[in-house]
């Protein structure tokens, strides 16, 4: 399953725990806050002034790399 901007941050982390590295890289410190349970990846990126396409590329790359290993 591909990660999309509509996916909730918490849902992404539950499905793909390795994505925590990407959220941390972009200082999306909402991993432990209430926002992670209700916010989509897109909203989180917007609230942090980040490029959603760049984040999605990295998130999907990390899960693809995992599949290959």
PDB file of N, CA and C in Angstrom:
ATOM      1  N   UNK A   1       0.849  -1.187   0.000  1.00  0.00           N
ATOM      2  CA  UNK A   1       0.000   0.000   0.000  1.00  0.00           C
ATOM      3  C   UNK A   1       0.889   1.242   0.000  1.00  0.00           C
ATOM      4  N   UNK A   2       0.579   2.158  -0.869  1.00  0.00           N
ATOM      5  CA  UNK A   2       1.337   3.394  -0.979  1.00  0.00           C
ATOM      6  C   UNK A   2       0.856   4.400   0.072  1.00  0.00           C
ATOM      7  N   UNK A   3       1.802   5.146   0.622  1.00  0.00           N
ATOM      8  CA  UNK A   3       1.463   6.196   1.582  1.00  0.00           C
ATOM      9  C   UNK A   3       0.963   7.409   0.803  1.00  0.00           C
ATOM     10  N   UNK A   4      -0.168   7.950   1.234  1.00  0.00           N
ATOM     11  CA  UNK A   4      -0.754   9.109   0.563  1.00  0.00           C
ATOM     12  C   UNK A   4      -0.878  10.273   1.540  1.00  0.00           C
ATOM     13  N   UNK A   5      -1.094  11.451   1.004  1.00  0.00           N
ATOM     14  CA  UNK A   5      -1.220  12.650   1.839  1.00  0.00           C
ATOM     15  C   UNK A   5      -2.469  12.609   2.708  1.00  0.00           C
ATOM     16  N   UNK A   6      -3.457  11.790   2.317  1.00  0.00           N
ATOM     17  CA  UNK A   6      -4.702  11.686   3.079  1.00  0.00           C
ATOM     18  C   UNK A   6      -4.584  10.767   4.298  1.00  0.00           C
ATOM     19  N   UNK A   7      -3.501   9.995   4.362  1.00  0.00           N
ATOM     20  CA  UNK A   7      -3.315   9.044   5.460  1.00  0.00           C
ATOM     21  C   UNK A   7      -3.021   9.795   6.756  1.00  0.00           C
ATOM     22  N   UNK A   8      -3.614   9.343   7.843  1.00  0.00           N
ATOM     23  CA  UNK A   8      -3.327   9.947   9.139  1.00  0.00           C
ATOM     24  C   UNK A   8      -1.910   9.578   9.554  1.00  0.00           C
ATOM     25  N   UNK A   9      -1.242  10.491  10.234  1.00  0.00           N
ATOM     26  CA  UNK A   9       0.137  10.275  10.661  1.00  0.00           C
ATOM     27  C   UNK A   9       0.237   9.011  11.509  1.00  0.00           C
ATOM     28  N   UNK A  10      -0.651   8.866  12.462  1.00  0.00           N
ATOM     29  CA  UNK A  10      -0.630   7.701  13.357  1.00  0.00           C
ATOM     30  C   UNK A  10      -0.844   6.403  12.590  1.00  0.00           C
ATOM     31  N   UNK A  11      -1.737   6.418  11.622  1.00  0.00           N
ATOM     32  CA  UNK A  11      -2.014   5.243  10.794  1.00  0.00           C
ATOM     33  C   UNK A  11      -0.748   4.840  10.034  1.00  0.00           C
ATOM     34  N   UNK A  12      -0.069   5.827   9.490  1.00  0.00           N
ATOM     35  CA  UNK A  12       1.177   5.577   8.765  1.00  0.00           C
ATOM     36  C   UNK A  12       2.212   4.937   9.685  1.00  0.00           C
ATOM     37  N   UNK A  13       2.357   5.477  10.879  1.00  0.00           N
ATOM     38  CA  UNK A  13       3.333   4.954  11.835  1.00  0.00           C
ATOM     39  C   UNK A  13       2.998   3.539  12.288  1.00  0.00           C
ATOM     40  N   UNK A  14       1.717   3.244  12.438  1.00  0.00           N
ATOM     41  CA  UNK A  14       1.312   1.895  12.840  1.00  0.00           C
ATOM     42  C   UNK A  14       1.601   0.887  11.743  1.00  0.00           C
ATOM     43  N   UNK A  15       1.308   1.267  10.510  1.00  0.00           N
ATOM     44  CA  UNK A  15       1.518   0.367   9.377  1.00  0.00           C
ATOM     45  C   UNK A  15       2.996   0.230   9.028  1.00  0.00           C
ATOM     46  N   UNK A  16       3.716   1.330   9.143  1.00  0.00           N
ATOM     47  CA  UNK A  16       5.121   1.373   8.734  1.00  0.00           C
ATOM     48  C   UNK A  16       5.949   2.087   9.804  1.00  0.00           C
ATOM     49  N   UNK A  17       6.306   1.395  10.875  1.00  0.00           N
ATOM     50  CA  UNK A  17       7.053   2.032  11.969  1.00  0.00           C
ATOM     51  C   UNK A  17       8.365   2.681  11.522  1.00  0.00           C
ATOM     52  N   UNK A  18       8.961   2.166  10.469  1.00  0.00           N
ATOM     53  CA  UNK A  18      10.226   2.719   9.980  1.00  0.00           C
ATOM     54  C   UNK A  18      10.084   4.150   9.457  1.00  0.00           C
ATOM     55  N   UNK A  19       8.851   4.604   9.199  1.00  0.00           N
ATOM     56  CA  UNK A  19       8.651   5.967   8.703  1.00  0.00           C
ATOM     57  C   UNK A  19       8.895   7.019   9.777  1.00  0.00           C
ATOM     58  N   UNK A  20       9.001   6.584  11.018  1.00  0.00           N
ATOM     59  CA  UNK A  20       9.278   7.529  12.106  1.00  0.00           C
ATOM     60  C   UNK A  20      10.535   8.338  11.805  1.00  0.00           C
ATOM     61  N   UNK A  21      11.531   7.699  11.170  1.00  0.00           N
ATOM     62  CA  UNK A  21      12.779   8.405  10.817  1.00  0.00           C
ATOM     63  C   UNK A  21      12.527   9.613   9.917  1.00  0.00           C
ATOM     64  N   UNK A  22      11.591   9.469   8.994  1.00  0.00           N
ATOM     65  CA  UNK A  22      11.297  10.567   8.070  1.00  0.00           C
ATOM     66  C   UNK A  22      10.561  11.688   8.798  1.00  0.00           C
ATOM     67  N   UNK A  23       9.573  11.342   9.608  1.00  0.00           N
ATOM     68  CA  UNK A  23       8.852  12.367  10.366  1.00  0.00           C
ATOM     69  C   UNK A  23       9.815  13.111  11.298  1.00  0.00           C
ATOM     70  N   UNK A  24      10.717  12.382  11.906  1.00  0.00           N
ATOM     71  CA  UNK A  24      11.700  12.994  12.803  1.00  0.00           C
ATOM     72  C   UNK A  24      12.650  13.896  12.015  1.00  0.00           C
ATOM     73  N   UNK A  25      13.080  13.442  10.854  1.00  0.00           N
ATOM     74  CA  UNK A  25      13.983  14.234  10.000  1.00  0.00           C
ATOM     75  C   UNK A  25      13.391  15.607   9.695  1.00  0.00           C
ATOM     76  N   UNK A  26      12.095  15.658   9.492  1.00  0.00           N
ATOM     77  CA  UNK A  26      11.422  16.913   9.148  1.00  0.00           C
ATOM     78  C   UNK A  26      10.876  17.646  10.376  1.00  0.00           C
ATOM     79  N   UNK A  27      11.328  17.229  11.543  1.00  0.00           N
ATOM     80  CA  UNK A  27      10.925  17.874  12.800  1.00  0.00           C
ATOM     81  C   UNK A  27       9.413  17.916  12.978  1.00  0.00           C
ATOM     82  N   UNK A  28       8.776  16.888  12.513  1.00  0.00           N
ATOM     83  CA  UNK A  28       7.337  16.782  12.730  1.00  0.00           C
ATOM     84  C   UNK A  28       7.159  16.122  14.093  1.00  0.00           C
ATOM     85  N   UNK A  29       7.374  16.920  15.132  1.00  0.00           N
ATOM     86  CA  UNK A  29       7.365  16.447  16.499  1.00  0.00           C
ATOM     87  C   UNK A  29       6.007  16.056  17.014  1.00  0.00           C
ATOM     88  N   UNK A  30       5.048  15.995  16.132  1.00  0.00           N
ATOM     89  CA  UNK A  30       3.683  15.662  16.538  1.00  0.00           C
ATOM     90  C   UNK A  30       3.489  14.168  16.717  1.00  0.00           C
ATOM     91  N   UNK A  31       4.552  13.400  16.631  1.00  0.00           N
ATOM     92  CA  UNK A  31       4.424  11.948  16.712  1.00  0.00           C
ATOM     93  C   UNK A  31       3.753  11.486  17.993  1.00  0.00           C
ATOM     94  N   UNK A  32       4.004  12.174  19.089  1.00  0.00           N
ATOM     95  CA  UNK A  32       3.410  11.763  20.347  1.00  0.00           C
ATOM     96  C   UNK A  32       2.219  12.601  20.777  1.00  0.00           C
ATOM     97  N   UNK A  33       1.861  13.583  19.992  1.00  0.00           N
ATOM     98  CA  UNK A  33       0.786  14.488  20.399  1.00  0.00           C
ATOM     99  C   UNK A  33      -0.563  14.042  19.844  1.00  0.00           C
ATOM    100  N   UNK A  34      -1.593  14.693  20.279  1.00  0.00           N
ATOM    101  CA  UNK A  34      -2.948  14.379  19.842  1.00  0.00           C
ATOM    102  C   UNK A  34      -3.120  14.594  18.339  1.00  0.00           C
ATOM    103  N   UNK A  35      -2.354  15.537  17.772  1.00  0.00           N
ATOM    104  CA  UNK A  35      -2.479  15.815  16.349  1.00  0.00           C
ATOM    105  C   UNK A  35      -2.194  14.608  15.484  1.00  0.00           C
ATOM    106  N   UNK A  36      -1.286  13.758  15.926  1.00  0.00           N
ATOM    107  CA  UNK A  36      -0.910  12.585  15.139  1.00  0.00           C
ATOM    108  C   UNK A  36      -2.071  11.612  14.981  1.00  0.00           C
ATOM    109  N   UNK A  37      -3.006  11.639  15.895  1.00  0.00           N
ATOM    110  CA  UNK A  37      -4.138  10.713  15.812  1.00  0.00           C
ATOM    111  C   UNK A  37      -5.238  11.233  14.904  1.00  0.00           C
ATOM    112  N   UNK A  38      -5.249  12.520  14.628  1.00  0.00           N
ATOM    113  CA  UNK A  38      -6.333  13.090  13.831  1.00  0.00           C
ATOM    114  C   UNK A  38      -5.853  13.763  12.551  1.00  0.00           C
ATOM    115  N   UNK A  39      -4.597  14.175  12.504  1.00  0.00           N
ATOM    116  CA  UNK A  39      -4.101  14.919  11.347  1.00  0.00           C
ATOM    117  C   UNK A  39      -3.607  13.996  10.250  1.00  0.00           C
ATOM    118  N   UNK A  40      -3.871  14.430   9.037  1.00  0.00           N
ATOM    119  CA  UNK A  40      -3.309  13.719   7.900  1.00  0.00           C
ATOM    120  C   UNK A  40      -1.852  14.158   7.729  1.00  0.00           C
ATOM    121  N   UNK A  41      -1.132  13.409   6.937  1.00  0.00           N
ATOM    122  CA  UNK A  41       0.257  13.769   6.648  1.00  0.00           C
ATOM    123  C   UNK A  41       0.291  15.138   5.979  1.00  0.00           C
ATOM    124  N   UNK A  42      -0.662  15.396   5.103  1.00  0.00           N
ATOM    125  CA  UNK A  42      -0.707  16.687   4.409  1.00  0.00           C
ATOM    126  C   UNK A  42      -0.900  17.848   5.383  1.00  0.00           C
ATOM    127  N   UNK A  43      -1.829  17.724   6.314  1.00  0.00           N
ATOM    128  CA  UNK A  43      -2.076  18.793   7.285  1.00  0.00           C
ATOM    129  C   UNK A  43      -0.843  18.997   8.157  1.00  0.00           C
ATOM    130  N   UNK A  44      -0.226  17.899   8.595  1.00  0.00           N
ATOM    131  CA  UNK A  44       0.988  17.997   9.396  1.00  0.00           C
ATOM    132  C   UNK A  44       2.089  18.738   8.656  1.00  0.00           C
ATOM    133  N   UNK A  45       2.256  18.427   7.371  1.00  0.00           N
ATOM    134  CA  UNK A  45       3.278  19.095   6.559  1.00  0.00           C
ATOM    135  C   UNK A  45       2.953  20.580   6.415  1.00  0.00           C
ATOM    136  N   UNK A  46       1.698  20.889   6.158  1.00  0.00           N
ATOM    137  CA  UNK A  46       1.293  22.289   6.007  1.00  0.00           C
ATOM    138  C   UNK A  46       1.529  23.078   7.291  1.00  0.00           C
ATOM    139  N   UNK A  47       1.216  22.467   8.418  1.00  0.00           N
ATOM    140  CA  UNK A  47       1.370  23.152   9.704  1.00  0.00           C
ATOM    141  C   UNK A  47       2.839  23.408  10.030  1.00  0.00           C
ATOM    142  N   UNK A  48       3.731  22.605   9.437  1.00  0.00           N
ATOM    143  CA  UNK A  48       5.163  22.779   9.668  1.00  0.00           C
ATOM    144  C   UNK A  48       5.852  23.493   8.500  1.00  0.00           C
ATOM    145  N   UNK A  49       5.066  23.938   7.510  1.00  0.00           N
ATOM    146  CA  UNK A  49       5.617  24.658   6.368  1.00  0.00           C
ATOM    147  C   UNK A  49       6.503  23.794   5.487  1.00  0.00           C
ATOM    148  N   UNK A  50       6.124  22.517   5.327  1.00  0.00           N
ATOM    149  CA  UNK A  50       6.942  21.571   4.581  1.00  0.00           C
ATOM    150  C   UNK A  50       6.309  21.201   3.246  1.00  0.00           C
ATOM    151  N   UNK A  51       7.137  20.726   2.338  1.00  0.00           N
ATOM    152  CA  UNK A  51       6.690  20.287   1.020  1.00  0.00           C
ATOM    153  C   UNK A  51       6.140  18.864   1.128  1.00  0.00           C
ATOM    154  N   UNK A  52       4.843  18.706   0.955  1.00  0.00           N
ATOM    155  CA  UNK A  52       4.197  17.411   1.105  1.00  0.00           C
ATOM    156  C   UNK A  52       4.731  16.393   0.101  1.00  0.00           C
ATOM    157  N   UNK A  53       5.011  16.826  -1.115  1.00  0.00           N
ATOM    158  CA  UNK A  53       5.503  15.889  -2.133  1.00  0.00           C
ATOM    159  C   UNK A  53       6.869  15.328  -1.774  1.00  0.00           C
ATOM    160  N   UNK A  54       7.724  16.145  -1.216  1.00  0.00           N
ATOM    161  CA  UNK A  54       9.049  15.699  -0.790  1.00  0.00           C
ATOM    162  C   UNK A  54       8.929  14.656   0.330  1.00  0.00           C
ATOM    163  N   UNK A  55       8.065  14.928   1.266  1.00  0.00           N
ATOM    164  CA  UNK A  55       7.872  14.005   2.389  1.00  0.00           C
ATOM    165  C   UNK A  55       7.284  12.683   1.896  1.00  0.00           C
ATOM    166  N   UNK A  56       6.272  12.747   1.047  1.00  0.00           N
ATOM    167  CA  UNK A  56       5.662  11.520   0.529  1.00  0.00           C
ATOM    168  C   UNK A  56       6.671  10.682  -0.253  1.00  0.00           C
ATOM    169  N   UNK A  57       7.513  11.336  -1.031  1.00  0.00           N
ATOM    170  CA  UNK A  57       8.544  10.618  -1.774  1.00  0.00           C
ATOM    171  C   UNK A  57       9.448   9.849  -0.825  1.00  0.00           C
ATOM    172  N   UNK A  58       9.880  10.511   0.241  1.00  0.00           N
ATOM    173  CA  UNK A  58      10.773   9.853   1.200  1.00  0.00           C
ATOM    174  C   UNK A  58      10.063   8.762   1.987  1.00  0.00           C
ATOM    175  N   UNK A  59       8.816   9.001   2.374  1.00  0.00           N
ATOM    176  CA  UNK A  59       8.062   7.982   3.107  1.00  0.00           C
ATOM    177  C   UNK A  59       7.882   6.725   2.258  1.00  0.00           C
ATOM    178  N   UNK A  60       7.509   6.903   1.003  1.00  0.00           N
ATOM    179  CA  UNK A  60       7.288   5.752   0.135  1.00  0.00           C
ATOM    180  C   UNK A  60       8.600   5.062  -0.228  1.00  0.00           C
ATOM    181  N   UNK A  61       9.655   5.818  -0.320  1.00  0.00           N
ATOM    182  CA  UNK A  61      10.971   5.230  -0.610  1.00  0.00           C
ATOM    183  C   UNK A  61      11.404   4.311   0.532  1.00  0.00           C
ATOM    184  N   UNK A  62      11.206   4.750   1.759  1.00  0.00           N
ATOM    185  CA  UNK A  62      11.643   3.952   2.906  1.00  0.00           C
ATOM    186  C   UNK A  62      10.847   2.647   3.023  1.00  0.00           C
ATOM    187  N   UNK A  63       9.569   2.664   2.665  1.00  0.00           N
ATOM    188  CA  UNK A  63       8.818   1.407   2.759  1.00  0.00           C
ATOM    189  C   UNK A  63       9.170   0.484   1.587  1.00  0.00           C
ATOM    190  N   UNK A  64       9.503   1.044   0.437  1.00  0.00           N
ATOM    191  CA  UNK A  64       9.931   0.231  -0.700  1.00  0.00           C
ATOM    192  C   UNK A  64      11.267  -0.434  -0.404  1.00  0.00           C
ATOM    193  N   UNK A  65      12.176   0.310   0.215  1.00  0.00           N
ATOM    194  CA  UNK A  65      13.484  -0.249   0.576  1.00  0.00           C
ATOM    195  C   UNK A  65      13.308  -1.419   1.542  1.00  0.00           C
ATOM    196  N   UNK A  66      12.378  -1.311   2.457  1.00  0.00           N
ATOM    197  CA  UNK A  66      12.108  -2.363   3.429  1.00  0.00           C
ATOM    198  C   UNK A  66      11.621  -3.621   2.731  1.00  0.00           C
ATOM    199  N   UNK A  67      10.772  -3.445   1.714  1.00  0.00           N
ATOM    200  CA  UNK A  67      10.244  -4.590   0.982  1.00  0.00           C
ATOM    201  C   UNK A  67      11.346  -5.352   0.266  1.00  0.00           C
ATOM    202  N   UNK A  68      12.361  -4.625  -0.215  1.00  0.00           N
ATOM    203  CA  UNK A  68      13.447  -5.239  -0.955  1.00  0.00           C
ATOM    204  C   UNK A  68      14.404  -6.013  -0.059  1.00  0.00           C
ATOM    205  N   UNK A  69      14.427  -5.682   1.220  1.00  0.00           N
ATOM    206  CA  UNK A  69      15.369  -6.340   2.152  1.00  0.00           C
ATOM    207  C   UNK A  69      14.768  -7.518   2.827  1.00  0.00           C
TER     208      UNK A  69
END
